[in-house]
Amino acid sequence: MNRKELQPESSPQAAFGARLRSSREARGWTQDELGERMGYSSTHMSAVETGRKPPTLRFSRSADRAFGTEGTADTFERQWREIRHGSLLEGFPEYVGHEGRAAEIRLYEVGVVPGLLQTPEYASVLAGSAVKRGAIIPEQADERVSLVAERQAALVRPRPPLIFVVLDESCIRRPVGGPDVMDAQLARLIEFAELPNTVLQIAPFEMGEGRPFDLPITVLTLSDRSLMSYAESAQQGYLERESTSVLPILTAYHQLQADAHSQAASVTMIRQLRKGIP
C-alpha cells in the first residue's frame, strides 16, 4: 500500500493527522475500521491523516469517542481548537470547549466586558485595536470576533447553563468604540440581566482592597458537578482542575458576589450611565 510519510512538525493540522494515524495504528485498526467507528469514509480518514483535509469539531469529537479520550487533558477536540484558534492564548481553546458544555459559569472581569456578553461591534473594536497595536493580523481579528459569536451561540441550548457575572465597575466605565458602541453594549448587559438563567452584578470601585481577585477569573461547574477554573496572564491561559485548588477560588467568588451590588442596583447603575449620569 502506498503510505505517505507524515511531517507532524510542519503545521498543527499535520500534527493532528499524525496523531490520528498513530492512535489508529496503535490499536491495529485500518482506516476503514476507524472510519466505521467515527462515521466517516476511509477516504475522509486518509485525507485528514495526511493533512489534505482539515478536521472539524464533529470529526474531533468523534475521534475522542472512538479512542476514549473524552474528558481527558489532551483531547482531539482541544487539538482542533488550537488549530482553529491559533492566535489565542495557550489554554484558551481547551477552556472554550468546556465552557460550551458547562452547567454553571461564573465570571469576574476587569477593564472590558467579557466575550460572552459582548456585542459584535464591541468585539470588533477590541480586535481592531489589537491589529493597530501589531499584536495580531486582520485575519486573526476576524477569527476573534467569530469566536465571540460561536461561544455565545453554544450557550443557547435546551438546557442553558446558569451564568453568574460580576463586572468590575471599570468594565462599564471604560469607553470602547465611541458613544454608540458603548450604549449598545450597556443595553446588551441589561438584556443579559433580564434572562431567567443569569445574574449580573457590578463590583463598585469603593470595594477597594475588598476585592478577592485582581485579575479576571472564571469558574465552571461541569455536568458531573466537577469544578474547573480558568485564569489568564499576559502570555498564557491556565486551567485548574484540582478541587483543592478550585474550591478556594469558588469561595472567594461567593464573597465577591456578597459584597458587590445586587443585580437590581447594578442594572440601575448601568441605566444611569446610559443616561449620562455619573
Protein backbone atom coordinates (compact mmCIF):
# COMPACT_ATOMS: atom_id res chain seq x y z
CA MET A 1 0.00 0.00 0.00
CA ASN A 2 1.19 3.50 -0.79
CA ARG A 3 1.95 5.08 2.58
CA LYS A 4 2.65 8.78 2.76
CA GLU A 5 5.23 9.81 5.33
CA LEU A 6 3.87 12.46 7.67
CA GLN A 7 5.64 15.53 8.96
CA PRO A 8 3.80 16.49 12.17
CA GLU A 9 6.15 19.38 12.87
CA SER A 10 5.18 21.14 9.65
CA SER A 11 1.85 22.50 10.94
CA PRO A 12 -0.78 21.99 13.67
CA GLN A 13 -3.03 20.35 11.06
CA ALA A 14 -0.26 17.90 10.14
CA ALA A 15 0.31 17.15 13.83
CA PHE A 16 -3.39 16.34 14.21
CA GLY A 17 -3.24 13.95 11.25
CA ALA A 18 -0.09 12.25 12.54
CA ARG A 19 -1.66 11.76 15.96
CA LEU A 20 -4.79 10.31 14.37
CA ARG A 21 -2.73 7.81 12.37
CA SER A 22 -0.52 6.77 15.30
CA SER A 23 -3.56 6.35 17.58
CA ARG A 24 -5.29 4.24 14.94
CA GLU A 25 -2.26 2.05 14.26
CA ALA A 26 -1.61 1.57 17.98
CA ARG A 27 -5.00 -0.15 18.16
CA GLY A 28 -4.43 -2.15 15.00
CA TRP A 29 -7.33 -0.52 13.15
CA THR A 30 -7.46 0.14 9.43
CA GLN A 31 -8.78 3.43 8.09
CA ASP A 32 -11.97 1.60 7.15
CA GLU A 33 -12.41 0.31 10.70
CA LEU A 34 -11.77 3.67 12.33
CA GLY A 35 -13.99 5.38 9.77
CA GLU A 36 -16.81 2.98 10.62
CA ARG A 37 -16.44 3.76 14.32
CA MET A 38 -16.43 7.51 13.67
CA GLY A 39 -18.99 7.66 10.87
CA TYR A 40 -16.62 8.69 8.07
CA SER A 41 -15.31 7.05 4.92
CA SER A 42 -11.80 5.66 4.69
CA THR A 43 -11.09 8.29 2.03
CA HIS A 44 -12.00 11.02 4.50
CA MET A 45 -9.83 9.42 7.17
CA SER A 46 -6.87 9.29 4.80
CA ALA A 47 -7.32 12.94 3.84
CA VAL A 48 -7.28 14.07 7.48
CA GLU A 49 -4.33 11.86 8.38
CA THR A 50 -2.23 13.26 5.54
CA GLY A 51 -3.28 16.87 6.16
CA ARG A 52 -5.14 17.24 2.87
CA LYS A 53 -8.42 17.88 4.67
CA PRO A 54 -8.71 19.83 7.93
CA PRO A 55 -10.52 18.20 10.86
CA THR A 56 -13.83 19.64 12.03
CA LEU A 57 -15.32 19.91 15.51
CA ARG A 58 -17.66 16.98 14.78
CA PHE A 59 -14.75 14.89 13.48
CA SER A 60 -12.62 15.69 16.54
CA ARG A 61 -15.36 14.76 18.98
CA SER A 62 -15.97 11.53 17.06
CA ALA A 63 -12.27 10.73 17.35
CA ASP A 64 -12.38 11.32 21.11
CA ARG A 65 -15.31 8.91 21.42
CA ALA A 66 -13.56 6.29 19.27
CA PHE A 67 -10.27 6.48 21.18
CA GLY A 68 -11.79 7.04 24.63
CA THR A 69 -10.11 10.41 25.15
CA GLU A 70 -13.26 12.38 26.03
CA GLY A 71 -12.82 14.35 29.23
CA THR A 72 -9.04 13.96 29.30
CA ALA A 73 -6.47 16.74 29.30
CA ASP A 74 -5.33 16.01 25.75
CA THR A 75 -8.38 15.51 23.59
CA PHE A 76 -8.61 15.67 19.81
CA GLU A 77 -11.15 18.45 20.34
CA ARG A 78 -8.58 20.50 22.23
CA GLN A 79 -6.11 19.99 19.40
CA TRP A 80 -8.76 21.04 16.86
CA ARG A 81 -9.48 24.21 18.81
CA GLU A 82 -5.80 25.09 18.81
CA ILE A 83 -5.79 24.71 15.02
CA ARG A 84 -8.99 26.73 14.68
CA HIS A 85 -7.93 29.46 17.09
CA GLY A 86 -4.20 29.55 16.72
CA SER A 87 -3.91 33.26 17.58
CA LEU A 88 -5.45 32.79 21.02
CA LEU A 89 -3.67 32.32 24.31
CA GLU A 90 -2.40 28.85 25.09
CA GLY A 91 -5.03 27.08 27.16
CA PHE A 92 -7.97 29.17 25.97
CA PRO A 93 -9.18 26.87 23.15
CA GLU A 94 -9.37 24.00 25.63
CA TYR A 95 -11.27 26.19 28.07
CA VAL A 96 -13.80 27.18 25.37
CA GLY A 97 -14.60 23.52 24.77
CA HIS A 98 -15.51 23.05 28.44
CA GLU A 99 -17.36 26.37 28.60
CA GLY A 100 -19.72 25.29 25.81
CA ARG A 101 -20.84 22.27 27.86
CA ALA A 102 -20.76 23.68 31.40
CA ALA A 103 -23.80 23.56 33.68
CA GLU A 104 -22.79 26.74 35.54
CA ILE A 105 -20.44 29.56 34.56
CA ARG A 106 -19.09 32.15 36.99
CA LEU A 107 -17.17 35.10 35.55
CA TYR A 108 -15.29 38.02 37.04
CA GLU A 109 -13.86 40.56 34.60
CA VAL A 110 -11.81 43.74 34.88
CA GLY A 111 -11.50 46.54 32.32
CA VAL A 112 -13.55 45.12 29.44
CA VAL A 113 -16.90 43.41 29.04
CA PRO A 114 -16.26 39.64 28.78
CA GLY A 115 -16.71 37.89 25.44
CA LEU A 116 -19.89 36.07 26.41
CA LEU A 117 -21.63 39.43 26.87
CA GLN A 118 -20.03 41.45 24.06
CA THR A 119 -21.95 42.88 21.14
CA PRO A 120 -20.39 42.22 17.71
CA GLU A 121 -19.47 45.91 17.40
CA TYR A 122 -17.75 45.98 20.79
CA ALA A 123 -15.84 42.78 19.97
CA SER A 124 -14.80 44.21 16.59
CA VAL A 125 -13.43 47.39 18.16
CA LEU A 126 -11.31 45.41 20.62
CA ALA A 127 -9.99 43.13 17.87
CA GLY A 128 -9.30 46.12 15.61
CA SER A 129 -7.34 47.78 18.40
CA ALA A 130 -5.14 44.70 18.71
CA VAL A 131 -4.44 44.90 14.96
CA LYS A 132 -3.43 48.58 15.26
CA ARG A 133 -1.01 47.67 18.05
CA GLY A 134 0.52 44.99 15.85
CA ALA A 135 -0.44 42.24 18.29
CA ILE A 136 -2.42 40.28 15.68
CA ILE A 137 -3.11 40.42 11.94
CA PRO A 138 -6.53 41.28 10.42
CA GLU A 139 -7.36 37.62 9.75
CA GLN A 140 -6.79 36.82 13.41
CA ALA A 141 -9.01 39.74 14.39
CA ASP A 142 -11.82 38.27 12.29
CA GLU A 143 -11.21 34.94 14.00
CA ARG A 144 -11.55 36.51 17.45
CA VAL A 145 -14.84 38.20 16.56
CA SER A 146 -16.17 34.94 15.10
CA LEU A 147 -15.18 33.09 18.26
CA VAL A 148 -17.20 35.52 20.40
CA ALA A 149 -20.29 34.70 18.32
CA GLU A 150 -19.57 30.96 18.46
CA ARG A 151 -19.18 30.99 22.24
CA GLN A 152 -22.42 32.89 22.71
CA ALA A 153 -24.28 30.55 20.32
CA ALA A 154 -23.02 27.49 22.22
CA LEU A 155 -24.89 28.68 25.31
CA VAL A 156 -28.25 28.80 23.52
CA ARG A 157 -29.44 25.26 24.07
CA PRO A 158 -32.49 23.43 25.50
CA ARG A 159 -30.98 23.46 29.00
CA PRO A 160 -28.82 26.60 29.09
CA PRO A 161 -26.22 27.00 31.82
CA LEU A 162 -26.64 29.24 34.82
CA ILE A 163 -24.36 32.22 34.24
CA PHE A 164 -23.18 34.43 37.09
CA VAL A 165 -21.24 37.53 36.07
CA VAL A 166 -19.52 40.08 38.31
CA LEU A 167 -18.04 43.03 36.43
CA ASP A 168 -15.57 45.42 37.94
CA GLU A 169 -17.00 48.91 37.54
CA SER A 170 -14.17 49.67 35.11
CA CYS A 171 -15.87 47.36 32.57
CA ILE A 172 -18.81 49.73 32.17
CA ARG A 173 -16.88 52.98 32.68
CA ARG A 174 -14.10 52.37 30.15
CA PRO A 175 -15.13 53.84 26.77
CA VAL A 176 -14.73 51.41 23.88
CA GLY A 177 -15.59 52.37 20.30
CA GLY A 178 -17.40 55.62 20.99
CA PRO A 179 -20.83 56.52 22.42
CA ASP A 180 -22.95 54.42 20.05
CA VAL A 181 -20.93 51.23 20.59
CA MET A 182 -20.93 51.73 24.36
CA ASP A 183 -24.63 52.50 24.51
CA ALA A 184 -25.46 49.31 22.60
CA GLN A 185 -23.10 47.33 24.82
CA LEU A 186 -24.66 48.67 28.01
CA ALA A 187 -28.10 47.85 26.61
CA ARG A 188 -26.86 44.32 25.96
CA LEU A 189 -25.82 44.00 29.61
CA ILE A 190 -29.30 44.99 30.74
CA GLU A 191 -30.83 42.42 28.37
CA PHE A 192 -28.48 39.79 29.75
CA ALA A 193 -29.56 40.57 33.32
CA GLU A 194 -33.19 40.01 32.37
CA LEU A 195 -32.65 36.42 31.22
CA PRO A 196 -34.01 33.68 33.51
CA ASN A 197 -30.67 31.85 33.78
CA THR A 198 -28.38 34.80 34.52
CA VAL A 199 -27.25 37.05 37.35
CA LEU A 200 -25.30 40.26 36.64
CA GLN A 201 -23.58 42.28 39.35
CA ILE A 202 -21.21 45.26 39.40
CA ALA A 203 -18.29 45.36 41.83
CA PRO A 204 -18.06 49.11 42.53
CA PHE A 205 -14.79 50.98 42.82
CA GLU A 206 -15.45 51.65 46.50
CA MET A 207 -14.94 47.97 47.27
CA GLY A 208 -11.26 48.88 47.07
CA GLU A 209 -8.98 46.28 48.58
CA GLY A 210 -12.02 44.17 49.47
CA ARG A 211 -11.96 42.56 46.05
CA PRO A 212 -10.71 38.98 46.34
CA PHE A 213 -9.38 38.98 42.74
CA ASP A 214 -7.02 41.36 40.95
CA LEU A 215 -7.30 39.57 37.60
CA PRO A 216 -10.20 38.07 35.62
CA ILE A 217 -11.28 34.62 36.75
CA THR A 218 -13.76 32.01 35.56
CA VAL A 219 -15.12 29.01 37.45
CA LEU A 220 -17.03 26.31 35.57
CA THR A 221 -19.29 23.69 37.07
CA LEU A 222 -19.47 20.78 34.64
CA SER A 223 -22.42 18.44 34.16
CA ASP A 224 -20.91 15.90 36.58
CA ARG A 225 -20.63 18.72 39.18
CA SER A 226 -16.85 18.78 38.97
CA LEU A 227 -15.21 22.19 39.07
CA MET A 228 -12.69 23.89 36.82
CA SER A 229 -11.18 27.36 36.96
CA TYR A 230 -9.53 29.41 34.23
CA ALA A 231 -7.28 32.44 34.58
CA GLU A 232 -5.01 34.35 32.21
CA SER A 233 -1.67 36.06 32.37
CA ALA A 234 -0.42 38.27 29.55
CA GLN A 235 1.01 35.27 27.69
CA GLN A 236 -0.92 32.18 28.77
CA GLY A 237 -4.26 30.88 29.94
CA TYR A 238 -4.26 28.34 32.74
CA LEU A 239 -6.87 25.67 33.50
CA GLU A 240 -7.08 24.26 37.01
CA ARG A 241 -8.99 21.03 37.61
CA GLU A 242 -7.87 20.04 41.11
CA SER A 243 -10.77 20.63 43.50
CA THR A 244 -8.38 21.53 46.31
CA SER A 245 -7.23 24.49 44.20
CA VAL A 246 -10.60 25.45 42.68
CA LEU A 247 -12.72 25.37 45.85
CA PRO A 248 -10.92 28.35 47.47
CA ILE A 249 -11.47 30.31 44.24
CA LEU A 250 -15.17 29.44 44.31
CA THR A 251 -15.39 30.52 47.96
CA ALA A 252 -13.72 33.84 47.11
CA TYR A 253 -16.15 34.28 44.22
CA HIS A 254 -19.10 33.85 46.58
CA GLN A 255 -17.58 36.51 48.86
CA LEU A 256 -17.23 38.79 45.84
CA GLN A 257 -20.90 38.29 44.98
CA ALA A 258 -21.93 39.07 48.56
CA ASP A 259 -20.04 42.40 48.57
CA ALA A 260 -20.88 43.50 45.02
CA HIS A 261 -24.01 45.47 44.13
CA SER A 262 -27.20 43.44 43.80
CA GLN A 263 -28.44 42.79 40.28
CA ALA A 264 -31.15 45.43 40.69
CA ALA A 265 -28.66 48.03 41.88
CA SER A 266 -26.22 47.03 39.14
CA VAL A 267 -28.84 47.44 36.41
CA THR A 268 -29.78 50.83 37.86
CA MET A 269 -26.13 51.89 37.67
CA ILE A 270 -25.93 50.81 34.03
CA ARG A 271 -29.17 52.62 33.17
CA GLN A 272 -27.88 55.80 34.78
CA LEU A 273 -24.62 55.52 32.87
CA ARG A 274 -26.57 55.24 29.61
CA LYS A 275 -28.34 58.49 30.51
CA GLY A 276 -25.03 60.23 31.17
CA ILE A 277 -25.44 60.29 34.94
CA PRO A 278 -22.04 59.85 36.70
